[in-house]
Amino acid sequence: MTSMLQRRRGRPSRDRLAEAADVIARGTAAFPDGSLRVDWKRLDDPEAGELVALVERCASGIGFDTSKLAKKAAARFERLLETACARDEGWFEQQRQDTKLRRDVDALIVKSRLPPRRPRYEELGAIVLPKLWTFTWFEGEPILFLQHIALLVAVLAQLENGRSLAPQSRIEGDGDTSELVVDAKFGPVPISIDPESNCTARWTEDAKHLAANHLLTFDRQGTEIRLGRGSRVLALTKART
């Protein structure tokens, strides 16, 4: 029994030392200077035993993984390994910093090789609607119906082109603050493009719904209704220019 206890407290067996050295070599193979080679003679018996035990605790398929160790144990593992491999204290931390620096430099190099951001050349007066409004909001409990999209396109098209289409309507203002001013009796589009009123039967309620979702602005003054770009449309326009 005494002999067995002394053996456990002494230096690890050659097989355990060899296995630990192999794990360390595999775990450091990707280092710029290549795998670390352990010189067990640089450690006394207790230190060698401690390092072998730590290696066995954090061994993994790629070598070793110090995230398996508590913070204090991981720091001790690195310090013992630095000693056993004739590396200065803090060598592992320096390797991490160097690796991060190389990654940052590589990312900058890749970015420098990219072509400049492509400007968007869209036809003057064109309307561009994002997926959120024309697809995502149709799923599940829809936020918009088809008549909402039709009305939105009709109003924005007139604003973008600076020309109204409906009887008794006009464009006031300029740029992104312009408004389509319509007569509530005639609505925002001519009857010729919606003869059956499929999309405009409840256009005032639909316009209010679009305003509630910040796609249009809605302001009624007597028989006149002023329709402008909502904050969502303005944000989209700004992002695309």
C-alpha atoms as a PDB file:
ATOM      1  CA  MET A   1       0.000   0.000   0.000  1.00  0.00           C
ATOM      2  CA  THR A   2       2.812   2.411   0.890  1.00  0.00           C
ATOM      3  CA  SER A   3       4.563   1.681  -2.382  1.00  0.00           C
ATOM      4  CA  MET A   4       1.363   2.371  -4.341  1.00  0.00           C
ATOM      5  CA  LEU A   5       0.810   5.721  -2.565  1.00  0.00           C
ATOM      6  CA  GLN A   6       4.355   6.820  -3.234  1.00  0.00           C
ATOM      7  CA  ARG A   7       3.956   5.882  -6.873  1.00  0.00           C
ATOM      8  CA  ARG A   8       0.768   7.946  -7.186  1.00  0.00           C
ATOM      9  CA  ARG A   9       2.433  10.943  -5.603  1.00  0.00           C
ATOM     10  CA  GLY A  10       5.542  10.584  -7.782  1.00  0.00           C
ATOM     11  CA  ARG A  11       6.113  11.370 -11.411  1.00  0.00           C
ATOM     12  CA  PRO A  12       3.443  10.151 -13.855  1.00  0.00           C
ATOM     13  CA  SER A  13       4.237   7.029 -15.837  1.00  0.00           C
ATOM     14  CA  ARG A  14       5.961   7.284 -19.185  1.00  0.00           C
ATOM     15  CA  ASP A  15       2.768   6.322 -20.971  1.00  0.00           C
ATOM     16  CA  ARG A  16       0.797   9.135 -19.338  1.00  0.00           C
ATOM     17  CA  LEU A  17       3.583  11.625 -20.055  1.00  0.00           C
ATOM     18  CA  ALA A  18       3.720  10.522 -23.692  1.00  0.00           C
ATOM     19  CA  GLU A  19      -0.036  10.693 -24.094  1.00  0.00           C
ATOM     20  CA  ALA A  20      -0.169  14.184 -22.536  1.00  0.00           C
ATOM     21  CA  ALA A  21       2.678  15.357 -24.788  1.00  0.00           C
ATOM     22  CA  ASP A  22       0.806  14.055 -27.841  1.00  0.00           C
ATOM     23  CA  VAL A  23      -2.394  15.865 -26.816  1.00  0.00           C
ATOM     24  CA  ILE A  24      -0.403  19.083 -26.345  1.00  0.00           C
ATOM     25  CA  ALA A  25       1.290  18.698 -29.726  1.00  0.00           C
ATOM     26  CA  ARG A  26      -2.034  18.185 -31.502  1.00  0.00           C
ATOM     27  CA  GLY A  27      -3.648  21.071 -29.627  1.00  0.00           C
ATOM     28  CA  THR A  28      -0.912  23.510 -30.646  1.00  0.00           C
ATOM     29  CA  ALA A  29      -0.338  22.311 -34.216  1.00  0.00           C
ATOM     30  CA  ALA A  30      -1.981  25.420 -35.679  1.00  0.00           C
ATOM     31  CA  PHE A  31       0.355  27.838 -33.872  1.00  0.00           C
ATOM     32  CA  PRO A  32       2.577  29.897 -36.201  1.00  0.00           C
ATOM     33  CA  ASP A  33       5.732  28.233 -34.842  1.00  0.00           C
ATOM     34  CA  GLY A  34       4.227  24.760 -34.993  1.00  0.00           C
ATOM     35  CA  SER A  35       3.403  22.285 -32.244  1.00  0.00           C
ATOM     36  CA  LEU A  36       4.764  22.779 -28.754  1.00  0.00           C
ATOM     37  CA  ARG A  37       7.170  20.090 -27.606  1.00  0.00           C
ATOM     38  CA  VAL A  38       7.153  19.362 -23.909  1.00  0.00           C
ATOM     39  CA  ASP A  39      10.430  18.942 -22.063  1.00  0.00           C
ATOM     40  CA  TRP A  40       9.271  17.103 -18.975  1.00  0.00           C
ATOM     41  CA  LYS A  41      12.650  17.658 -17.320  1.00  0.00           C
ATOM     42  CA  ARG A  42      11.723  21.326 -16.895  1.00  0.00           C
ATOM     43  CA  LEU A  43       9.006  20.325 -14.427  1.00  0.00           C
ATOM     44  CA  ASP A  44       9.452  18.687 -11.054  1.00  0.00           C
ATOM     45  CA  ASP A  45       7.393  15.625 -10.194  1.00  0.00           C
ATOM     46  CA  PRO A  46       4.382  17.443  -8.642  1.00  0.00           C
ATOM     47  CA  GLU A  47       4.264  19.936 -11.518  1.00  0.00           C
ATOM     48  CA  ALA A  48       4.453  17.169 -14.127  1.00  0.00           C
ATOM     49  CA  GLY A  49       1.658  15.316 -12.374  1.00  0.00           C
ATOM     50  CA  GLU A  50      -0.435  18.472 -12.192  1.00  0.00           C
ATOM     51  CA  LEU A  51       0.042  19.221 -15.891  1.00  0.00           C
ATOM     52  CA  VAL A  52      -0.778  15.656 -16.936  1.00  0.00           C
ATOM     53  CA  ALA A  53      -3.945  15.731 -14.815  1.00  0.00           C
ATOM     54  CA  LEU A  54      -5.033  19.026 -16.380  1.00  0.00           C
ATOM     55  CA  VAL A  55      -4.338  17.733 -19.886  1.00  0.00           C
ATOM     56  CA  GLU A  56      -6.437  14.650 -19.202  1.00  0.00           C
ATOM     57  CA  ARG A  57      -9.285  16.837 -17.962  1.00  0.00           C
ATOM     58  CA  CYS A  58      -9.369  19.089 -21.016  1.00  0.00           C
ATOM     59  CA  ALA A  59      -8.356  16.635 -23.755  1.00  0.00           C
ATOM     60  CA  SER A  60     -10.569  16.729 -26.857  1.00  0.00           C
ATOM     61  CA  GLY A  61     -10.589  15.412 -30.400  1.00  0.00           C
ATOM     62  CA  ILE A  62      -8.571  18.397 -31.641  1.00  0.00           C
ATOM     63  CA  GLY A  63      -6.021  18.191 -28.828  1.00  0.00           C
ATOM     64  CA  PHE A  64      -7.217  20.091 -25.790  1.00  0.00           C
ATOM     65  CA  ASP A  65      -9.957  22.547 -24.931  1.00  0.00           C
ATOM     66  CA  THR A  66      -9.228  24.779 -21.937  1.00  0.00           C
ATOM     67  CA  SER A  67     -12.859  25.934 -21.839  1.00  0.00           C
ATOM     68  CA  LYS A  68     -13.481  22.636 -20.030  1.00  0.00           C
ATOM     69  CA  LEU A  69     -11.406  23.984 -17.157  1.00  0.00           C
ATOM     70  CA  ALA A  70     -12.281  26.598 -14.585  1.00  0.00           C
ATOM     71  CA  LYS A  71     -10.608  29.964 -15.184  1.00  0.00           C
ATOM     72  CA  LYS A  72      -8.002  29.437 -12.472  1.00  0.00           C
ATOM     73  CA  ALA A  73      -7.227  25.892 -13.653  1.00  0.00           C
ATOM     74  CA  ALA A  74      -6.916  27.055 -17.280  1.00  0.00           C
ATOM     75  CA  ALA A  75      -4.440  29.751 -16.241  1.00  0.00           C
ATOM     76  CA  ARG A  76      -2.439  27.191 -14.276  1.00  0.00           C
ATOM     77  CA  PHE A  77      -2.453  24.802 -17.249  1.00  0.00           C
ATOM     78  CA  GLU A  78      -1.051  27.507 -19.537  1.00  0.00           C
ATOM     79  CA  ARG A  79       1.616  28.541 -17.016  1.00  0.00           C
ATOM     80  CA  LEU A  80       2.822  24.968 -16.521  1.00  0.00           C
ATOM     81  CA  LEU A  81       2.869  24.411 -20.278  1.00  0.00           C
ATOM     82  CA  GLU A  82       4.827  27.622 -20.823  1.00  0.00           C
ATOM     83  CA  THR A  83       7.423  26.393 -18.338  1.00  0.00           C
ATOM     84  CA  ALA A  84       7.575  22.883 -19.809  1.00  0.00           C
ATOM     85  CA  CYS A  85       8.023  24.278 -23.339  1.00  0.00           C
ATOM     86  CA  ALA A  86      10.534  26.997 -22.452  1.00  0.00           C
ATOM     87  CA  ARG A  87       8.126  29.836 -23.218  1.00  0.00           C
ATOM     88  CA  ASP A  88       7.970  33.125 -21.337  1.00  0.00           C
ATOM     89  CA  GLU A  89       5.102  33.739 -18.948  1.00  0.00           C
ATOM     90  CA  GLY A  90       2.143  35.178 -20.850  1.00  0.00           C
ATOM     91  CA  TRP A  91       3.099  33.453 -24.093  1.00  0.00           C
ATOM     92  CA  PHE A  92      -0.380  31.992 -24.588  1.00  0.00           C
ATOM     93  CA  GLU A  93      -2.050  35.379 -24.077  1.00  0.00           C
ATOM     94  CA  GLN A  94       0.317  36.879 -26.628  1.00  0.00           C
ATOM     95  CA  GLN A  95      -0.632  34.153 -29.090  1.00  0.00           C
ATOM     96  CA  ARG A  96      -4.308  35.021 -28.655  1.00  0.00           C
ATOM     97  CA  GLN A  97      -3.618  38.702 -29.251  1.00  0.00           C
ATOM     98  CA  ASP A  98      -1.503  37.944 -32.320  1.00  0.00           C
ATOM     99  CA  THR A  99      -4.216  35.670 -33.722  1.00  0.00           C
ATOM    100  CA  LYS A 100      -6.869  38.350 -33.253  1.00  0.00           C
ATOM    101  CA  LEU A 101      -4.616  40.933 -34.903  1.00  0.00           C
ATOM    102  CA  ARG A 102      -4.036  38.650 -37.895  1.00  0.00           C
ATOM    103  CA  ARG A 103      -7.781  38.095 -38.266  1.00  0.00           C
ATOM    104  CA  ASP A 104      -8.461  41.841 -38.104  1.00  0.00           C
ATOM    105  CA  VAL A 105      -5.777  42.527 -40.699  1.00  0.00           C
ATOM    106  CA  ASP A 106      -7.090  39.754 -42.955  1.00  0.00           C
ATOM    107  CA  ALA A 107     -10.606  41.203 -42.696  1.00  0.00           C
ATOM    108  CA  LEU A 108      -9.316  44.638 -43.678  1.00  0.00           C
ATOM    109  CA  ILE A 109      -7.456  43.143 -46.643  1.00  0.00           C
ATOM    110  CA  VAL A 110     -10.594  41.368 -47.842  1.00  0.00           C
ATOM    111  CA  LYS A 111     -12.629  44.553 -47.402  1.00  0.00           C
ATOM    112  CA  SER A 112     -10.049  46.567 -49.362  1.00  0.00           C
ATOM    113  CA  ARG A 113     -10.410  44.157 -52.283  1.00  0.00           C
ATOM    114  CA  LEU A 114     -14.167  44.593 -52.542  1.00  0.00           C
ATOM    115  CA  PRO A 115     -15.519  46.840 -55.279  1.00  0.00           C
ATOM    116  CA  PRO A 116     -17.119  50.118 -54.186  1.00  0.00           C
ATOM    117  CA  ARG A 117     -20.757  50.044 -53.142  1.00  0.00           C
ATOM    118  CA  ARG A 118     -22.906  49.951 -56.229  1.00  0.00           C
ATOM    119  CA  PRO A 119     -25.156  53.006 -56.548  1.00  0.00           C
ATOM    120  CA  ARG A 120     -28.796  52.306 -57.292  1.00  0.00           C
ATOM    121  CA  TYR A 121     -29.952  53.617 -60.638  1.00  0.00           C
ATOM    122  CA  GLU A 122     -33.732  53.447 -60.636  1.00  0.00           C
ATOM    123  CA  GLU A 123     -36.005  54.924 -63.237  1.00  0.00           C
ATOM    124  CA  LEU A 124     -37.247  58.351 -62.239  1.00  0.00           C
ATOM    125  CA  GLY A 125     -40.724  57.989 -60.805  1.00  0.00           C
ATOM    126  CA  ALA A 126     -40.383  54.262 -60.065  1.00  0.00           C
ATOM    127  CA  ILE A 127     -41.835  52.787 -56.885  1.00  0.00           C
ATOM    128  CA  VAL A 128     -39.818  50.269 -54.850  1.00  0.00           C
ATOM    129  CA  LEU A 129     -41.596  48.413 -52.064  1.00  0.00           C
ATOM    130  CA  PRO A 130     -39.768  46.136 -49.587  1.00  0.00           C
ATOM    131  CA  LYS A 131     -40.574  42.509 -48.902  1.00  0.00           C
ATOM    132  CA  LEU A 132     -41.929  43.405 -45.449  1.00  0.00           C
ATOM    133  CA  TRP A 133     -44.897  45.273 -46.903  1.00  0.00           C
ATOM    134  CA  THR A 134     -45.567  43.126 -49.968  1.00  0.00           C
ATOM    135  CA  PHE A 135     -45.092  39.631 -48.535  1.00  0.00           C
ATOM    136  CA  THR A 136     -44.257  39.351 -44.834  1.00  0.00           C
ATOM    137  CA  TRP A 137     -47.246  41.451 -43.797  1.00  0.00           C
ATOM    138  CA  PHE A 138     -49.533  39.158 -45.833  1.00  0.00           C
ATOM    139  CA  GLU A 139     -48.605  36.082 -43.770  1.00  0.00           C
ATOM    140  CA  GLY A 140     -50.515  34.816 -40.729  1.00  0.00           C
ATOM    141  CA  GLU A 141     -52.798  37.628 -39.568  1.00  0.00           C
ATOM    142  CA  PRO A 142     -52.221  40.059 -42.446  1.00  0.00           C
ATOM    143  CA  ILE A 143     -51.465  43.681 -41.675  1.00  0.00           C
ATOM    144  CA  LEU A 144     -52.234  44.795 -45.222  1.00  0.00           C
ATOM    145  CA  PHE A 145     -54.781  43.629 -47.790  1.00  0.00           C
ATOM    146  CA  LEU A 146     -54.417  43.888 -51.559  1.00  0.00           C
ATOM    147  CA  GLN A 147     -56.426  47.104 -51.696  1.00  0.00           C
ATOM    148  CA  HIS A 148     -53.978  48.685 -49.244  1.00  0.00           C
ATOM    149  CA  ILE A 149     -51.010  47.895 -51.519  1.00  0.00           C
ATOM    150  CA  ALA A 150     -52.929  49.147 -54.567  1.00  0.00           C
ATOM    151  CA  LEU A 151     -53.759  52.433 -52.857  1.00  0.00           C
ATOM    152  CA  LEU A 152     -50.213  52.844 -51.533  1.00  0.00           C
ATOM    153  CA  VAL A 153     -48.717  52.328 -54.995  1.00  0.00           C
ATOM    154  CA  ALA A 154     -51.217  54.697 -56.590  1.00  0.00           C
ATOM    155  CA  VAL A 155     -50.507  57.509 -54.119  1.00  0.00           C
ATOM    156  CA  LEU A 156     -46.723  57.075 -54.063  1.00  0.00           C
ATOM    157  CA  ALA A 157     -46.583  56.874 -57.867  1.00  0.00           C
ATOM    158  CA  GLN A 158     -48.307  60.239 -58.181  1.00  0.00           C
ATOM    159  CA  LEU A 159     -46.018  61.776 -55.558  1.00  0.00           C
ATOM    160  CA  GLU A 160     -42.883  60.331 -57.151  1.00  0.00           C
ATOM    161  CA  ASN A 161     -43.895  61.560 -60.597  1.00  0.00           C
ATOM    162  CA  GLY A 162     -45.090  64.940 -59.387  1.00  0.00           C
ATOM    163  CA  ARG A 163     -48.387  64.686 -61.199  1.00  0.00           C
ATOM    164  CA  SER A 164     -51.860  63.845 -59.966  1.00  0.00           C
ATOM    165  CA  LEU A 165     -54.263  61.662 -61.951  1.00  0.00           C
ATOM    166  CA  ALA A 166     -57.678  61.904 -60.300  1.00  0.00           C
ATOM    167  CA  PRO A 167     -60.232  64.631 -61.073  1.00  0.00           C
ATOM    168  CA  GLN A 168     -60.004  67.671 -58.826  1.00  0.00           C
ATOM    169  CA  SER A 169     -56.653  66.533 -57.421  1.00  0.00           C
ATOM    170  CA  ARG A 170     -53.251  68.229 -57.325  1.00  0.00           C
ATOM    171  CA  ILE A 171     -49.734  67.917 -55.972  1.00  0.00           C
ATOM    172  CA  GLU A 172     -48.598  70.478 -53.432  1.00  0.00           C
ATOM    173  CA  GLY A 173     -45.100  70.967 -52.051  1.00  0.00           C
ATOM    174  CA  ASP A 174     -41.940  69.428 -53.417  1.00  0.00           C
ATOM    175  CA  GLY A 175     -39.467  66.656 -52.741  1.00  0.00           C
ATOM    176  CA  ASP A 176     -40.206  64.166 -49.974  1.00  0.00           C
ATOM    177  CA  THR A 177     -42.633  66.589 -48.284  1.00  0.00           C
ATOM    178  CA  SER A 178     -44.974  66.870 -51.262  1.00  0.00           C
ATOM    179  CA  GLU A 179     -48.608  65.851 -50.776  1.00  0.00           C
ATOM    180  CA  LEU A 180     -51.370  64.565 -52.997  1.00  0.00           C
ATOM    181  CA  VAL A 181     -54.450  66.695 -52.359  1.00  0.00           C
ATOM    182  CA  VAL A 182     -57.647  64.978 -53.456  1.00  0.00           C
ATOM    183  CA  ASP A 183     -61.358  65.674 -53.380  1.00  0.00           C
ATOM    184  CA  ALA A 184     -63.013  63.139 -51.069  1.00  0.00           C
ATOM    185  CA  LYS A 185     -65.822  62.742 -53.626  1.00  0.00           C
ATOM    186  CA  PHE A 186     -63.521  61.708 -56.487  1.00  0.00           C
ATOM    187  CA  GLY A 187     -60.783  59.895 -54.596  1.00  0.00           C
ATOM    188  CA  PRO A 188     -57.058  59.518 -55.372  1.00  0.00           C
ATOM    189  CA  VAL A 189     -57.307  57.714 -58.750  1.00  0.00           C
ATOM    190  CA  PRO A 190     -59.398  58.116 -61.893  1.00  0.00           C
ATOM    191  CA  ILE A 191     -62.305  55.722 -62.318  1.00  0.00           C
ATOM    192  CA  SER A 192     -60.729  54.429 -65.520  1.00  0.00           C
ATOM    193  CA  ILE A 193     -58.128  52.387 -63.610  1.00  0.00           C
ATOM    194  CA  ASP A 194     -60.624  50.934 -61.100  1.00  0.00           C
ATOM    195  CA  PRO A 195     -63.998  50.972 -62.883  1.00  0.00           C
ATOM    196  CA  GLU A 196     -65.580  48.433 -60.527  1.00  0.00           C
ATOM    197  CA  SER A 197     -64.140  50.136 -57.423  1.00  0.00           C
ATOM    198  CA  ASN A 198     -62.539  46.854 -56.389  1.00  0.00           C
ATOM    199  CA  CYS A 199     -59.655  48.630 -54.699  1.00  0.00           C
ATOM    200  CA  THR A 200     -61.137  52.036 -53.928  1.00  0.00           C
ATOM    201  CA  ALA A 201     -64.609  51.338 -52.515  1.00  0.00           C
ATOM    202  CA  ARG A 202     -63.352  52.150 -48.979  1.00  0.00           C
ATOM    203  CA  TRP A 203     -60.282  54.136 -49.940  1.00  0.00           C
ATOM    204  CA  THR A 204     -60.534  56.678 -47.091  1.00  0.00           C
ATOM    205  CA  GLU A 205     -60.558  53.902 -44.476  1.00  0.00           C
ATOM    206  CA  ASP A 206     -57.723  52.159 -46.278  1.00  0.00           C
ATOM    207  CA  ALA A 207     -55.725  55.393 -46.363  1.00  0.00           C
ATOM    208  CA  LYS A 208     -56.245  55.818 -42.625  1.00  0.00           C
ATOM    209  CA  HIS A 209     -55.012  52.250 -42.106  1.00  0.00           C
ATOM    210  CA  LEU A 210     -51.890  52.992 -44.143  1.00  0.00           C
ATOM    211  CA  ALA A 211     -51.365  56.127 -42.075  1.00  0.00           C
ATOM    212  CA  ALA A 212     -51.737  54.127 -38.859  1.00  0.00           C
ATOM    213  CA  ASN A 213     -48.895  51.918 -40.115  1.00  0.00           C
ATOM    214  CA  HIS A 214     -46.776  54.970 -41.039  1.00  0.00           C
ATOM    215  CA  LEU A 215     -46.845  54.282 -44.759  1.00  0.00           C
ATOM    216  CA  LEU A 216     -48.830  57.403 -45.624  1.00  0.00           C
ATOM    217  CA  THR A 217     -49.911  60.580 -43.867  1.00  0.00           C
ATOM    218  CA  PHE A 218     -53.625  61.423 -43.817  1.00  0.00           C
ATOM    219  CA  ASP A 219     -55.108  64.834 -43.135  1.00  0.00           C
ATOM    220  CA  ARG A 220     -58.729  65.725 -43.890  1.00  0.00           C
ATOM    221  CA  GLN A 221     -59.764  69.342 -44.173  1.00  0.00           C
ATOM    222  CA  GLY A 222     -63.400  69.576 -45.161  1.00  0.00           C
ATOM    223  CA  THR A 223     -63.856  67.868 -48.513  1.00  0.00           C
ATOM    224  CA  GLU A 224     -60.121  67.804 -49.201  1.00  0.00           C
ATOM    225  CA  ILE A 225     -57.844  65.001 -48.080  1.00  0.00           C
ATOM    226  CA  ARG A 226     -54.070  65.417 -48.069  1.00  0.00           C
ATOM    227  CA  LEU A 227     -51.967  62.284 -48.516  1.00  0.00           C
ATOM    228  CA  GLY A 228     -48.193  62.264 -48.060  1.00  0.00           C
ATOM    229  CA  ARG A 229     -45.308  59.888 -47.489  1.00  0.00           C
ATOM    230  CA  GLY A 230     -45.344  58.192 -44.074  1.00  0.00           C
ATOM    231  CA  SER A 231     -42.266  57.835 -41.874  1.00  0.00           C
ATOM    232  CA  ARG A 232     -41.657  54.246 -43.057  1.00  0.00           C
ATOM    233  CA  VAL A 233     -41.608  55.371 -46.692  1.00  0.00           C
ATOM    234  CA  LEU A 234     -39.310  58.280 -45.896  1.00  0.00           C
ATOM    235  CA  ALA A 235     -36.929  55.976 -44.024  1.00  0.00           C
ATOM    236  CA  LEU A 236     -36.880  53.557 -46.979  1.00  0.00           C
ATOM    237  CA  THR A 237     -36.178  56.402 -49.412  1.00  0.00           C
ATOM    238  CA  LYS A 238     -33.330  57.666 -47.236  1.00  0.00           C
ATOM    239  CA  ALA A 239     -31.798  54.182 -46.985  1.00  0.00           C
ATOM    240  CA  ARG A 240     -31.829  53.780 -50.760  1.00  0.00           C
ATOM    241  CA  THR A 241     -30.106  57.076 -51.570  1.00  0.00           C
END
